[in-house]
Amino acid sequence: MVLVVDDDPDILEALSEILEAEGFEIRRARNGKEALERLVPDPPRLILLDLMMPVMDGWEFAHRMRQNPDVASIPLIVLSADRNVGSKAADIGAVGHLAKPFELNDLLEMVRNSLTPAVANTGA
């Protein structure tokens, strides 16, 4: 299951529909606070995370998530319109990032790669 976290309802709906069409089970959240509530009792295997959101932004969400040992290791992929998305994604320990707008194929490839258990851990 993939948790999609974005405050833009159009982006949230589009990402959810695209991933569901590809066979992924989706859970949605409109901000970091909602996302934290959706981590338990059935944690997602991957989180697509926008950084700039009201109520609780992506940085605060990631910080709080990492403090909970039950969900701390869930991979994050950051989706952001920020031109410095790469460095910001690295700051929160994301496994990948895409700058909005992004190519659909790039997103699907990153999601599939992040969910593949055979991916070697390079310790980066």
PDB file of N, CA and C in Angstrom:
ATOM      1  N   MET A   1       0.830  -1.172   0.000  1.00  0.00           N
ATOM      2  CA  MET A   1       0.000   0.000   0.000  1.00  0.00           C
ATOM      3  C   MET A   1       0.882   1.245   0.000  1.00  0.00           C
ATOM      4  N   VAL A   2       0.452   2.254  -0.744  1.00  0.00           N
ATOM      5  CA  VAL A   2       1.186   3.504  -0.879  1.00  0.00           C
ATOM      6  C   VAL A   2       0.348   4.620  -0.262  1.00  0.00           C
ATOM      7  N   LEU A   3       0.975   5.410   0.601  1.00  0.00           N
ATOM      8  CA  LEU A   3       0.328   6.583   1.176  1.00  0.00           C
ATOM      9  C   LEU A   3       0.734   7.796   0.351  1.00  0.00           C
ATOM     10  N   VAL A   4      -0.268   8.492  -0.206  1.00  0.00           N
ATOM     11  CA  VAL A   4      -0.029   9.698  -1.007  1.00  0.00           C
ATOM     12  C   VAL A   4      -0.419  10.900  -0.153  1.00  0.00           C
ATOM     13  N   VAL A   5       0.543  11.822   0.064  1.00  0.00           N
ATOM     14  CA  VAL A   5       0.318  12.970   0.938  1.00  0.00           C
ATOM     15  C   VAL A   5       0.538  14.248   0.135  1.00  0.00           C
ATOM     16  N   ASP A   6      -0.552  14.984  -0.116  1.00  0.00           N
ATOM     17  CA  ASP A   6      -0.469  16.242  -0.868  1.00  0.00           C
ATOM     18  C   ASP A   6      -1.678  17.092  -0.537  1.00  0.00           C
ATOM     19  N   ASP A   7      -1.466  18.387  -0.333  1.00  0.00           N
ATOM     20  CA  ASP A   7      -2.581  19.266   0.017  1.00  0.00           C
ATOM     21  C   ASP A   7      -3.392  19.712  -1.192  1.00  0.00           C
ATOM     22  N   ASP A   8      -2.867  19.538  -2.396  1.00  0.00           N
ATOM     23  CA  ASP A   8      -3.592  19.917  -3.610  1.00  0.00           C
ATOM     24  C   ASP A   8      -4.545  18.776  -3.973  1.00  0.00           C
ATOM     25  N   PRO A   9      -5.865  18.998  -3.883  1.00  0.00           N
ATOM     26  CA  PRO A   9      -6.811  17.904  -4.128  1.00  0.00           C
ATOM     27  C   PRO A   9      -6.716  17.322  -5.538  1.00  0.00           C
ATOM     28  N   ASP A  10      -6.387  18.149  -6.523  1.00  0.00           N
ATOM     29  CA  ASP A  10      -6.261  17.645  -7.894  1.00  0.00           C
ATOM     30  C   ASP A  10      -5.068  16.708  -8.035  1.00  0.00           C
ATOM     31  N   ILE A  11      -3.942  17.086  -7.446  1.00  0.00           N
ATOM     32  CA  ILE A  11      -2.744  16.251  -7.502  1.00  0.00           C
ATOM     33  C   ILE A  11      -2.969  14.966  -6.703  1.00  0.00           C
ATOM     34  N   LEU A  12      -3.575  15.099  -5.525  1.00  0.00           N
ATOM     35  CA  LEU A  12      -3.856  13.929  -4.690  1.00  0.00           C
ATOM     36  C   LEU A  12      -4.733  12.932  -5.434  1.00  0.00           C
ATOM     37  N   GLU A  13      -5.771  13.424  -6.077  1.00  0.00           N
ATOM     38  CA  GLU A  13      -6.686  12.551  -6.816  1.00  0.00           C
ATOM     39  C   GLU A  13      -5.994  11.928  -8.029  1.00  0.00           C
ATOM     40  N   ALA A  14      -5.262  12.748  -8.780  1.00  0.00           N
ATOM     41  CA  ALA A  14      -4.595  12.250  -9.993  1.00  0.00           C
ATOM     42  C   ALA A  14      -3.566  11.178  -9.643  1.00  0.00           C
ATOM     43  N   LEU A  15      -2.715  11.435  -8.647  1.00  0.00           N
ATOM     44  CA  LEU A  15      -1.711  10.442  -8.249  1.00  0.00           C
ATOM     45  C   LEU A  15      -2.375   9.158  -7.780  1.00  0.00           C
ATOM     46  N   SER A  16      -3.430   9.300  -6.995  1.00  0.00           N
ATOM     47  CA  SER A  16      -4.132   8.126  -6.483  1.00  0.00           C
ATOM     48  C   SER A  16      -4.722   7.296  -7.616  1.00  0.00           C
ATOM     49  N   GLU A  17      -5.385   7.959  -8.552  1.00  0.00           N
ATOM     50  CA  GLU A  17      -6.004   7.243  -9.674  1.00  0.00           C
ATOM     51  C   GLU A  17      -4.957   6.551 -10.544  1.00  0.00           C
ATOM     52  N   ILE A  18      -3.863   7.238 -10.817  1.00  0.00           N
ATOM     53  CA  ILE A  18      -2.800   6.673 -11.650  1.00  0.00           C
ATOM     54  C   ILE A  18      -2.215   5.427 -10.989  1.00  0.00           C
ATOM     55  N   LEU A  19      -1.909   5.527  -9.706  1.00  0.00           N
ATOM     56  CA  LEU A  19      -1.310   4.393  -9.002  1.00  0.00           C
ATOM     57  C   LEU A  19      -2.300   3.244  -8.838  1.00  0.00           C
ATOM     58  N   GLU A  20      -3.564   3.567  -8.590  1.00  0.00           N
ATOM     59  CA  GLU A  20      -4.581   2.510  -8.497  1.00  0.00           C
ATOM     60  C   GLU A  20      -4.742   1.796  -9.833  1.00  0.00           C
ATOM     61  N   ALA A  21      -4.674   2.551 -10.930  1.00  0.00           N
ATOM     62  CA  ALA A  21      -4.782   1.946 -12.259  1.00  0.00           C
ATOM     63  C   ALA A  21      -3.616   1.000 -12.535  1.00  0.00           C
ATOM     64  N   GLU A  22      -2.479   1.258 -11.877  1.00  0.00           N
ATOM     65  CA  GLU A  22      -1.301   0.398 -12.027  1.00  0.00           C
ATOM     66  C   GLU A  22      -1.318  -0.766 -11.035  1.00  0.00           C
ATOM     67  N   GLY A  23      -2.382  -0.873 -10.246  1.00  0.00           N
ATOM     68  CA  GLY A  23      -2.530  -2.006  -9.342  1.00  0.00           C
ATOM     69  C   GLY A  23      -2.104  -1.773  -7.905  1.00  0.00           C
ATOM     70  N   PHE A  24      -1.752  -0.542  -7.556  1.00  0.00           N
ATOM     71  CA  PHE A  24      -1.339  -0.243  -6.189  1.00  0.00           C
ATOM     72  C   PHE A  24      -2.546   0.083  -5.318  1.00  0.00           C
ATOM     73  N   GLU A  25      -2.514  -0.377  -4.075  1.00  0.00           N
ATOM     74  CA  GLU A  25      -3.517   0.034  -3.099  1.00  0.00           C
ATOM     75  C   GLU A  25      -3.071   1.389  -2.557  1.00  0.00           C
ATOM     76  N   ILE A  26      -4.005   2.332  -2.452  1.00  0.00           N
ATOM     77  CA  ILE A  26      -3.664   3.710  -2.092  1.00  0.00           C
ATOM     78  C   ILE A  26      -4.396   4.133  -0.823  1.00  0.00           C
ATOM     79  N   ARG A  27      -3.705   4.899  -0.017  1.00  0.00           N
ATOM     80  CA  ARG A  27      -4.303   5.619   1.098  1.00  0.00           C
ATOM     81  C   ARG A  27      -3.928   7.083   0.889  1.00  0.00           C
ATOM     82  N   ARG A  28      -4.840   8.006   1.190  1.00  0.00           N
ATOM     83  CA  ARG A  28      -4.606   9.433   0.929  1.00  0.00           C
ATOM     84  C   ARG A  28      -4.552  10.237   2.230  1.00  0.00           C
ATOM     85  N   ALA A  29      -3.766  11.334   2.187  1.00  0.00           N
ATOM     86  CA  ALA A  29      -3.733  12.301   3.282  1.00  0.00           C
ATOM     87  C   ALA A  29      -3.501  13.686   2.684  1.00  0.00           C
ATOM     88  N   ARG A  30      -4.135  14.706   3.282  1.00  0.00           N
ATOM     89  CA  ARG A  30      -4.028  16.073   2.752  1.00  0.00           C
ATOM     90  C   ARG A  30      -2.978  16.919   3.454  1.00  0.00           C
ATOM     91  N   ASN A  31      -2.368  16.374   4.512  1.00  0.00           N
ATOM     92  CA  ASN A  31      -1.303  17.088   5.220  1.00  0.00           C
ATOM     93  C   ASN A  31      -0.568  16.088   6.108  1.00  0.00           C
ATOM     94  N   GLY A  32       0.496  16.556   6.740  1.00  0.00           N
ATOM     95  CA  GLY A  32       1.302  15.669   7.564  1.00  0.00           C
ATOM     96  C   GLY A  32       0.566  15.096   8.757  1.00  0.00           C
ATOM     97  N   LYS A  33      -0.332  15.881   9.352  1.00  0.00           N
ATOM     98  CA  LYS A  33      -1.101  15.400  10.505  1.00  0.00           C
ATOM     99  C   LYS A  33      -1.979  14.215  10.102  1.00  0.00           C
ATOM    100  N   GLU A  34      -2.697  14.347   8.980  1.00  0.00           N
ATOM    101  CA  GLU A  34      -3.509  13.232   8.486  1.00  0.00           C
ATOM    102  C   GLU A  34      -2.628  12.027   8.151  1.00  0.00           C
ATOM    103  N   ALA A  35      -1.473  12.298   7.569  1.00  0.00           N
ATOM    104  CA  ALA A  35      -0.567  11.214   7.180  1.00  0.00           C
ATOM    105  C   ALA A  35      -0.096  10.428   8.402  1.00  0.00           C
ATOM    106  N   LEU A  36       0.229  11.128   9.490  1.00  0.00           N
ATOM    107  CA  LEU A  36       0.648  10.429  10.714  1.00  0.00           C
ATOM    108  C   LEU A  36      -0.459   9.514  11.216  1.00  0.00           C
ATOM    109  N   GLU A  37      -1.703   9.981  11.134  1.00  0.00           N
ATOM    110  CA  GLU A  37      -2.842   9.183  11.586  1.00  0.00           C
ATOM    111  C   GLU A  37      -3.041   7.939  10.719  1.00  0.00           C
ATOM    112  N   ARG A  38      -2.606   7.997   9.462  1.00  0.00           N
ATOM    113  CA  ARG A  38      -2.804   6.883   8.529  1.00  0.00           C
ATOM    114  C   ARG A  38      -1.645   5.885   8.522  1.00  0.00           C
ATOM    115  N   LEU A  39      -0.647   6.111   9.370  1.00  0.00           N
ATOM    116  CA  LEU A  39       0.492   5.182   9.439  1.00  0.00           C
ATOM    117  C   LEU A  39       0.161   3.923  10.231  1.00  0.00           C
ATOM    118  N   VAL A  40      -0.800   4.017  11.137  1.00  0.00           N
ATOM    119  CA  VAL A  40      -1.173   2.869  11.963  1.00  0.00           C
ATOM    120  C   VAL A  40      -2.677   2.643  11.863  1.00  0.00           C
ATOM    121  N   PRO A  41      -3.179   1.446  12.033  1.00  0.00           N
ATOM    122  CA  PRO A  41      -2.456   0.250  12.451  1.00  0.00           C
ATOM    123  C   PRO A  41      -1.837  -0.515  11.289  1.00  0.00           C
ATOM    124  N   ASP A  42      -2.097  -0.108  10.053  1.00  0.00           N
ATOM    125  CA  ASP A  42      -1.613  -0.820   8.875  1.00  0.00           C
ATOM    126  C   ASP A  42      -0.650   0.091   8.110  1.00  0.00           C
ATOM    127  N   PRO A  43       0.645   0.062   8.450  1.00  0.00           N
ATOM    128  CA  PRO A  43       1.599   0.988   7.825  1.00  0.00           C
ATOM    129  C   PRO A  43       1.730   0.770   6.317  1.00  0.00           C
ATOM    130  N   PRO A  44       1.882   1.863   5.572  1.00  0.00           N
ATOM    131  CA  PRO A  44       2.116   1.732   4.132  1.00  0.00           C
ATOM    132  C   PRO A  44       3.514   1.193   3.868  1.00  0.00           C
ATOM    133  N   ARG A  45       3.728   0.707   2.656  1.00  0.00           N
ATOM    134  CA  ARG A  45       5.063   0.242   2.264  1.00  0.00           C
ATOM    135  C   ARG A  45       5.889   1.363   1.660  1.00  0.00           C
ATOM    136  N   LEU A  46       5.210   2.466   1.286  1.00  0.00           N
ATOM    137  CA  LEU A  46       5.881   3.598   0.644  1.00  0.00           C
ATOM    138  C   LEU A  46       5.033   4.838   0.867  1.00  0.00           C
ATOM    139  N   ILE A  47       5.694   6.002   0.984  1.00  0.00           N
ATOM    140  CA  ILE A  47       4.985   7.273   1.139  1.00  0.00           C
ATOM    141  C   ILE A  47       5.458   8.239   0.067  1.00  0.00           C
ATOM    142  N   LEU A  48       4.499   8.782  -0.704  1.00  0.00           N
ATOM    143  CA  LEU A  48       4.768   9.881  -1.636  1.00  0.00           C
ATOM    144  C   LEU A  48       4.403  11.152  -0.882  1.00  0.00           C
ATOM    145  N   LEU A  49       5.364  12.042  -0.698  1.00  0.00           N
ATOM    146  CA  LEU A  49       5.208  13.155   0.234  1.00  0.00           C
ATOM    147  C   LEU A  49       5.483  14.504  -0.414  1.00  0.00           C
ATOM    148  N   ASP A  50       4.473  15.367  -0.368  1.00  0.00           N
ATOM    149  CA  ASP A  50       4.666  16.772  -0.713  1.00  0.00           C
ATOM    150  C   ASP A  50       5.311  17.435   0.507  1.00  0.00           C
ATOM    151  N   LEU A  51       6.122  18.471   0.297  1.00  0.00           N
ATOM    152  CA  LEU A  51       6.769  19.132   1.425  1.00  0.00           C
ATOM    153  C   LEU A  51       5.991  20.339   1.928  1.00  0.00           C
ATOM    154  N   MET A  52       5.458  21.136   1.012  1.00  0.00           N
ATOM    155  CA  MET A  52       4.786  22.382   1.382  1.00  0.00           C
ATOM    156  C   MET A  52       3.290  22.137   1.538  1.00  0.00           C
ATOM    157  N   MET A  53       2.842  22.023   2.806  1.00  0.00           N
ATOM    158  CA  MET A  53       1.431  21.784   3.102  1.00  0.00           C
ATOM    159  C   MET A  53       1.041  22.550   4.354  1.00  0.00           C
ATOM    160  N   PRO A  54      -0.239  22.907   4.463  1.00  0.00           N
ATOM    161  CA  PRO A  54      -0.713  23.529   5.702  1.00  0.00           C
ATOM    162  C   PRO A  54      -0.876  22.480   6.802  1.00  0.00           C
ATOM    163  N   VAL A  55      -1.195  22.923   7.987  1.00  0.00           N
ATOM    164  CA  VAL A  55      -1.426  22.108   9.183  1.00  0.00           C
ATOM    165  C   VAL A  55      -0.115  21.488   9.667  1.00  0.00           C
ATOM    166  N   MET A  56       0.470  20.567   8.879  1.00  0.00           N
ATOM    167  CA  MET A  56       1.787  20.007   9.178  1.00  0.00           C
ATOM    168  C   MET A  56       2.488  19.742   7.852  1.00  0.00           C
ATOM    169  N   ASP A  57       3.659  20.354   7.661  1.00  0.00           N
ATOM    170  CA  ASP A  57       4.363  20.196   6.388  1.00  0.00           C
ATOM    171  C   ASP A  57       5.115  18.866   6.339  1.00  0.00           C
ATOM    172  N   GLY A  58       5.708  18.604   5.191  1.00  0.00           N
ATOM    173  CA  GLY A  58       6.404  17.337   4.974  1.00  0.00           C
ATOM    174  C   GLY A  58       7.610  17.129   5.866  1.00  0.00           C
ATOM    175  N   TRP A  59       8.322  18.211   6.200  1.00  0.00           N
ATOM    176  CA  TRP A  59       9.497  18.080   7.068  1.00  0.00           C
ATOM    177  C   TRP A  59       9.080  17.631   8.460  1.00  0.00           C
ATOM    178  N   GLU A  60       8.053  18.281   9.007  1.00  0.00           N
ATOM    179  CA  GLU A  60       7.579  17.925  10.348  1.00  0.00           C
ATOM    180  C   GLU A  60       7.040  16.500  10.358  1.00  0.00           C
ATOM    181  N   PHE A  61       6.289  16.140   9.318  1.00  0.00           N
ATOM    182  CA  PHE A  61       5.777  14.775   9.216  1.00  0.00           C
ATOM    183  C   PHE A  61       6.935  13.770   9.237  1.00  0.00           C
ATOM    184  N   ALA A  62       7.944  14.008   8.389  1.00  0.00           N
ATOM    185  CA  ALA A  62       9.080  13.077   8.296  1.00  0.00           C
ATOM    186  C   ALA A  62       9.802  12.975   9.638  1.00  0.00           C
ATOM    187  N   HIS A  63       9.992  14.106  10.299  1.00  0.00           N
ATOM    188  CA  HIS A  63      10.670  14.108  11.607  1.00  0.00           C
ATOM    189  C   HIS A  63       9.891  13.264  12.615  1.00  0.00           C
ATOM    190  N   ARG A  64       8.584  13.457  12.681  1.00  0.00           N
ATOM    191  CA  ARG A  64       7.769  12.700  13.634  1.00  0.00           C
ATOM    192  C   ARG A  64       7.694  11.218  13.267  1.00  0.00           C
ATOM    193  N   MET A  65       7.586  10.936  11.974  1.00  0.00           N
ATOM    194  CA  MET A  65       7.528   9.553  11.529  1.00  0.00           C
ATOM    195  C   MET A  65       8.808   8.818  11.916  1.00  0.00           C
ATOM    196  N   ARG A  66       9.956   9.456  11.729  1.00  0.00           N
ATOM    197  CA  ARG A  66      11.252   8.829  12.021  1.00  0.00           C
ATOM    198  C   ARG A  66      11.444   8.576  13.508  1.00  0.00           C
ATOM    199  N   GLN A  67      10.669   9.247  14.366  1.00  0.00           N
ATOM    200  CA  GLN A  67      10.779   9.032  15.809  1.00  0.00           C
ATOM    201  C   GLN A  67      10.025   7.787  16.271  1.00  0.00           C
ATOM    202  N   ASN A  68       9.168   7.239  15.406  1.00  0.00           N
ATOM    203  CA  ASN A  68       8.390   6.054  15.754  1.00  0.00           C
ATOM    204  C   ASN A  68       9.068   4.831  15.144  1.00  0.00           C
ATOM    205  N   PRO A  69       9.676   3.967  15.955  1.00  0.00           N
ATOM    206  CA  PRO A  69      10.417   2.828  15.403  1.00  0.00           C
ATOM    207  C   PRO A  69       9.565   1.865  14.575  1.00  0.00           C
ATOM    208  N   ASP A  70       8.250   1.861  14.801  1.00  0.00           N
ATOM    209  CA  ASP A  70       7.376   0.962  14.042  1.00  0.00           C
ATOM    210  C   ASP A  70       7.222   1.379  12.584  1.00  0.00           C
ATOM    211  N   VAL A  71       7.424   2.671  12.297  1.00  0.00           N
ATOM    212  CA  VAL A  71       7.219   3.169  10.921  1.00  0.00           C
ATOM    213  C   VAL A  71       8.420   3.951  10.388  1.00  0.00           C
ATOM    214  N   ALA A  72       9.478   4.065  11.183  1.00  0.00           N
ATOM    215  CA  ALA A  72      10.625   4.909  10.820  1.00  0.00           C
ATOM    216  C   ALA A  72      11.303   4.499   9.527  1.00  0.00           C
ATOM    217  N   SER A  73      11.233   3.222   9.171  1.00  0.00           N
ATOM    218  CA  SER A  73      11.968   2.749   7.995  1.00  0.00           C
ATOM    219  C   SER A  73      11.142   2.765   6.701  1.00  0.00           C
ATOM    220  N   ILE A  74       9.917   3.270   6.752  1.00  0.00           N
ATOM    221  CA  ILE A  74       9.104   3.338   5.528  1.00  0.00           C
ATOM    222  C   ILE A  74       9.785   4.298   4.554  1.00  0.00           C
ATOM    223  N   PRO A  75      10.017   3.871   3.308  1.00  0.00           N
ATOM    224  CA  PRO A  75      10.661   4.762   2.345  1.00  0.00           C
ATOM    225  C   PRO A  75       9.767   5.948   1.970  1.00  0.00           C
ATOM    226  N   LEU A  76      10.408   7.103   1.792  1.00  0.00           N
ATOM    227  CA  LEU A  76       9.734   8.330   1.367  1.00  0.00           C
ATOM    228  C   LEU A  76      10.211   8.721  -0.017  1.00  0.00           C
ATOM    229  N   ILE A  77       9.276   9.140  -0.876  1.00  0.00           N
ATOM    230  CA  ILE A  77       9.616   9.797  -2.133  1.00  0.00           C
ATOM    231  C   ILE A  77       9.007  11.191  -2.060  1.00  0.00           C
ATOM    232  N   VAL A  78       9.851  12.206  -2.200  1.00  0.00           N
ATOM    233  CA  VAL A  78       9.398  13.585  -2.103  1.00  0.00           C
ATOM    234  C   VAL A  78       8.980  14.090  -3.481  1.00  0.00           C
ATOM    235  N   LEU A  79       7.800  14.700  -3.525  1.00  0.00           N
ATOM    236  CA  LEU A  79       7.282  15.352  -4.725  1.00  0.00           C
ATOM    237  C   LEU A  79       7.119  16.822  -4.390  1.00  0.00           C
ATOM    238  N   SER A  80       7.831  17.698  -5.101  1.00  0.00           N
ATOM    239  CA  SER A  80       7.770  19.107  -4.737  1.00  0.00           C
ATOM    240  C   SER A  80       8.036  20.006  -5.937  1.00  0.00           C
ATOM    241  N   ALA A  81       7.436  21.190  -5.893  1.00  0.00           N
ATOM    242  CA  ALA A  81       7.680  22.197  -6.924  1.00  0.00           C
ATOM    243  C   ALA A  81       8.937  23.016  -6.604  1.00  0.00           C
ATOM    244  N   ASP A  82       9.501  22.811  -5.445  1.00  0.00           N
ATOM    245  CA  ASP A  82      10.707  23.527  -5.023  1.00  0.00           C
ATOM    246  C   ASP A  82      11.884  23.133  -5.905  1.00  0.00           C
ATOM    247  N   ARG A  83      12.646  24.116  -6.394  1.00  0.00           N
ATOM    248  CA  ARG A  83      13.761  23.766  -7.273  1.00  0.00           C
ATOM    249  C   ARG A  83      14.891  23.073  -6.528  1.00  0.00           C
ATOM    250  N   ASN A  84      14.929  23.187  -5.223  1.00  0.00           N
ATOM    251  CA  ASN A  84      15.952  22.515  -4.423  1.00  0.00           C
ATOM    252  C   ASN A  84      15.428  21.211  -3.811  1.00  0.00           C
ATOM    253  N   VAL A  85      14.502  20.592  -4.512  1.00  0.00           N
ATOM    254  CA  VAL A  85      13.849  19.393  -3.968  1.00  0.00           C
ATOM    255  C   VAL A  85      14.857  18.290  -3.641  1.00  0.00           C
ATOM    256  N   GLY A  86      15.919  18.162  -4.417  1.00  0.00           N
ATOM    257  CA  GLY A  86      16.902  17.110  -4.177  1.00  0.00           C
ATOM    258  C   GLY A  86      17.569  17.228  -2.822  1.00  0.00           C
ATOM    259  N   SER A  87      18.054  18.410  -2.476  1.00  0.00           N
ATOM    260  CA  SER A  87      18.726  18.583  -1.188  1.00  0.00           C
ATOM    261  C   SER A  87      17.736  18.477  -0.038  1.00  0.00           C
ATOM    262  N   LYS A  88      16.523  18.956  -0.248  1.00  0.00           N
ATOM    263  CA  LYS A  88      15.518  18.871   0.813  1.00  0.00           C
ATOM    264  C   LYS A  88      15.083  17.427   1.036  1.00  0.00           C
ATOM    265  N   ALA A  89      14.989  16.662  -0.039  1.00  0.00           N
ATOM    266  CA  ALA A  89      14.642  15.241   0.088  1.00  0.00           C
ATOM    267  C   ALA A  89      15.745  14.508   0.851  1.00  0.00           C
ATOM    268  N   ALA A  90      16.997  14.832   0.549  1.00  0.00           N
ATOM    269  CA  ALA A  90      18.117  14.199   1.248  1.00  0.00           C
ATOM    270  C   ALA A  90      18.092  14.541   2.737  1.00  0.00           C
ATOM    271  N   ASP A  91      17.699  15.771   3.060  1.00  0.00           N
ATOM    272  CA  ASP A  91      17.652  16.203   4.456  1.00  0.00           C
ATOM    273  C   ASP A  91      16.703  15.357   5.297  1.00  0.00           C
ATOM    274  N   ILE A  92      15.640  14.838   4.696  1.00  0.00           N
ATOM    275  CA  ILE A  92      14.678  14.042   5.466  1.00  0.00           C
ATOM    276  C   ILE A  92      14.839  12.536   5.215  1.00  0.00           C
ATOM    277  N   GLY A  93      15.910  12.170   4.521  1.00  0.00           N
ATOM    278  CA  GLY A  93      16.202  10.752   4.328  1.00  0.00           C
ATOM    279  C   GLY A  93      15.320  10.065   3.290  1.00  0.00           C
ATOM    280  N   ALA A  94      14.847  10.831   2.318  1.00  0.00           N
ATOM    281  CA  ALA A  94      14.004  10.248   1.267  1.00  0.00           C
ATOM    282  C   ALA A  94      14.829   9.342   0.351  1.00  0.00           C
ATOM    283  N   VAL A  95      14.174   8.296  -0.172  1.00  0.00           N
ATOM    284  CA  VAL A  95      14.848   7.386  -1.099  1.00  0.00           C
ATOM    285  C   VAL A  95      14.851   7.931  -2.517  1.00  0.00           C
ATOM    286  N   GLY A  96      14.044   8.959  -2.759  1.00  0.00           N
ATOM    287  CA  GLY A  96      13.980   9.551  -4.087  1.00  0.00           C
ATOM    288  C   GLY A  96      13.188  10.836  -4.059  1.00  0.00           C
ATOM    289  N   HIS A  97      13.244  11.554  -5.168  1.00  0.00           N
ATOM    290  CA  HIS A  97      12.493  12.806  -5.268  1.00  0.00           C
ATOM    291  C   HIS A  97      12.179  13.085  -6.734  1.00  0.00           C
ATOM    292  N   LEU A  98      11.091  13.803  -6.931  1.00  0.00           N
ATOM    293  CA  LEU A  98      10.701  14.264  -8.259  1.00  0.00           C
ATOM    294  C   LEU A  98      10.246  15.702  -8.142  1.00  0.00           C
ATOM    295  N   ALA A  99      10.691  16.540  -9.067  1.00  0.00           N
ATOM    296  CA  ALA A  99      10.255  17.927  -9.097  1.00  0.00           C
ATOM    297  C   ALA A  99       8.950  18.011  -9.884  1.00  0.00           C
ATOM    298  N   LYS A 100       7.977  18.725  -9.329  1.00  0.00           N
ATOM    299  CA  LYS A 100       6.708  18.942 -10.031  1.00  0.00           C
ATOM    300  C   LYS A 100       6.927  20.033 -11.066  1.00  0.00           C
ATOM    301  N   PRO A 101       6.380  19.920 -12.252  1.00  0.00           N
ATOM    302  CA  PRO A 101       5.664  18.748 -12.765  1.00  0.00           C
ATOM    303  C   PRO A 101       6.660  17.661 -13.161  1.00  0.00           C
ATOM    304  N   PHE A 102       6.272  16.421 -13.009  1.00  0.00           N
ATOM    305  CA  PHE A 102       7.152  15.304 -13.310  1.00  0.00           C
ATOM    306  C   PHE A 102       6.511  14.405 -14.355  1.00  0.00           C
ATOM    307  N   GLU A 103       7.329  13.570 -14.955  1.00  0.00           N
ATOM    308  CA  GLU A 103       6.840  12.619 -15.945  1.00  0.00           C
ATOM    309  C   GLU A 103       6.218  11.424 -15.241  1.00  0.00           C
ATOM    310  N   LEU A 104       5.086  10.987 -15.707  1.00  0.00           N
ATOM    311  CA  LEU A 104       4.382   9.858 -15.120  1.00  0.00           C
ATOM    312  C   LEU A 104       5.257   8.607 -15.086  1.00  0.00           C
ATOM    313  N   ASN A 105       5.959   8.344 -16.161  1.00  0.00           N
ATOM    314  CA  ASN A 105       6.814   7.151 -16.208  1.00  0.00           C
ATOM    315  C   ASN A 105       7.918   7.202 -15.158  1.00  0.00           C
ATOM    316  N   ASP A 106       8.455   8.411 -14.900  1.00  0.00           N
ATOM    317  CA  ASP A 106       9.488   8.551 -13.870  1.00  0.00           C
ATOM    318  C   ASP A 106       8.918   8.216 -12.493  1.00  0.00           C
ATOM    319  N   LEU A 107       7.704   8.688 -12.235  1.00  0.00           N
ATOM    320  CA  LEU A 107       7.057   8.403 -10.963  1.00  0.00           C
ATOM    321  C   LEU A 107       6.823   6.902 -10.792  1.00  0.00           C
ATOM    322  N   LEU A 108       6.251   6.270 -11.801  1.00  0.00           N
ATOM    323  CA  LEU A 108       5.941   4.843 -11.705  1.00  0.00           C
ATOM    324  C   LEU A 108       7.211   4.011 -11.528  1.00  0.00           C
ATOM    325  N   GLU A 109       8.262   4.372 -12.237  1.00  0.00           N
ATOM    326  CA  GLU A 109       9.534   3.647 -12.104  1.00  0.00           C
ATOM    327  C   GLU A 109      10.095   3.797 -10.690  1.00  0.00           C
ATOM    328  N   MET A 110      10.038   5.014 -10.152  1.00  0.00           N
ATOM    329  CA  MET A 110      10.557   5.252  -8.812  1.00  0.00           C
ATOM    330  C   MET A 110       9.732   4.491  -7.768  1.00  0.00           C
ATOM    331  N   VAL A 111       8.415   4.481  -7.930  1.00  0.00           N
ATOM    332  CA  VAL A 111       7.552   3.749  -6.997  1.00  0.00           C
ATOM    333  C   VAL A 111       7.865   2.258  -7.063  1.00  0.00           C
ATOM    334  N   ARG A 112       7.926   1.716  -8.256  1.00  0.00           N
ATOM    335  CA  ARG A 112       8.221   0.269  -8.394  1.00  0.00           C
ATOM    336  C   ARG A 112       9.584  -0.084  -7.802  1.00  0.00           C
ATOM    337  N   ASN A 113      10.590   0.734  -8.091  1.00  0.00           N
ATOM    338  CA  ASN A 113      11.934   0.467  -7.573  1.00  0.00           C
ATOM    339  C   ASN A 113      11.970   0.548  -6.052  1.00  0.00           C
ATOM    340  N   SER A 114      11.211   1.460  -5.481  1.00  0.00           N
ATOM    341  CA  SER A 114      11.203   1.633  -4.029  1.00  0.00           C
ATOM    342  C   SER A 114      10.479   0.496  -3.320  1.00  0.00           C
ATOM    343  N   LEU A 115       9.575  -0.168  -4.024  1.00  0.00           N
ATOM    344  CA  LEU A 115       8.807  -1.259  -3.431  1.00  0.00           C
ATOM    345  C   LEU A 115       9.424  -2.630  -3.691  1.00  0.00           C
ATOM    346  N   THR A 116      10.487  -2.674  -4.485  1.00  0.00           N
ATOM    347  CA  THR A 116      11.127  -3.942  -4.812  1.00  0.00           C
ATOM    348  C   THR A 116      12.069  -4.334  -3.682  1.00  0.00           C
ATOM    349  N   PRO A 117      11.784  -5.439  -2.984  1.00  0.00           N
ATOM    350  CA  PRO A 117      12.614  -5.815  -1.848  1.00  0.00           C
ATOM    351  C   PRO A 117      14.036  -6.204  -2.216  1.00  0.00           C
ATOM    352  N   ALA A 118      14.263  -6.571  -3.471  1.00  0.00           N
ATOM    353  CA  ALA A 118      15.590  -7.038  -3.880  1.00  0.00           C
ATOM    354  C   ALA A 118      16.560  -5.888  -4.149  1.00  0.00           C
ATOM    355  N   VAL A 119      16.117  -4.653  -4.032  1.00  0.00           N
ATOM    356  CA  VAL A 119      17.002  -3.513  -4.274  1.00  0.00           C
ATOM    357  C   VAL A 119      18.091  -3.509  -3.208  1.00  0.00           C
ATOM    358  N   ALA A 120      19.335  -3.464  -3.652  1.00  0.00           N
ATOM    359  CA  ALA A 120      20.474  -3.496  -2.718  1.00  0.00           C
ATOM    360  C   ALA A 120      20.541  -2.208  -1.930  1.00  0.00           C
ATOM    361  N   ASN A 121      20.871  -2.311  -0.668  1.00  0.00           N
ATOM    362  CA  ASN A 121      21.034  -1.145   0.181  1.00  0.00           C
ATOM    363  C   ASN A 121      22.480  -0.688   0.068  1.00  0.00           C
ATOM    364  N   THR A 122      22.687   0.465  -0.547  1.00  0.00           N
ATOM    365  CA  THR A 122      24.043   0.958  -0.771  1.00  0.00           C
ATOM    366  C   THR A 122      24.529   1.788   0.403  1.00  0.00           C
ATOM    367  N   GLY A 123      23.660   2.040   1.369  1.00  0.00           N
ATOM    368  CA  GLY A 123      24.064   2.798   2.549  1.00  0.00           C
ATOM    369  C   GLY A 123      24.331   4.252   2.287  1.00  0.00           C
ATOM    370  N   ALA A 124      23.775   4.803   1.216  1.00  0.00           N
ATOM    371  CA  ALA A 124      24.040   6.205   0.893  1.00  0.00           C
ATOM    372  C   ALA A 124      23.437   7.151   1.894  1.00  0.00           C
TER     373      ALA A 124
END
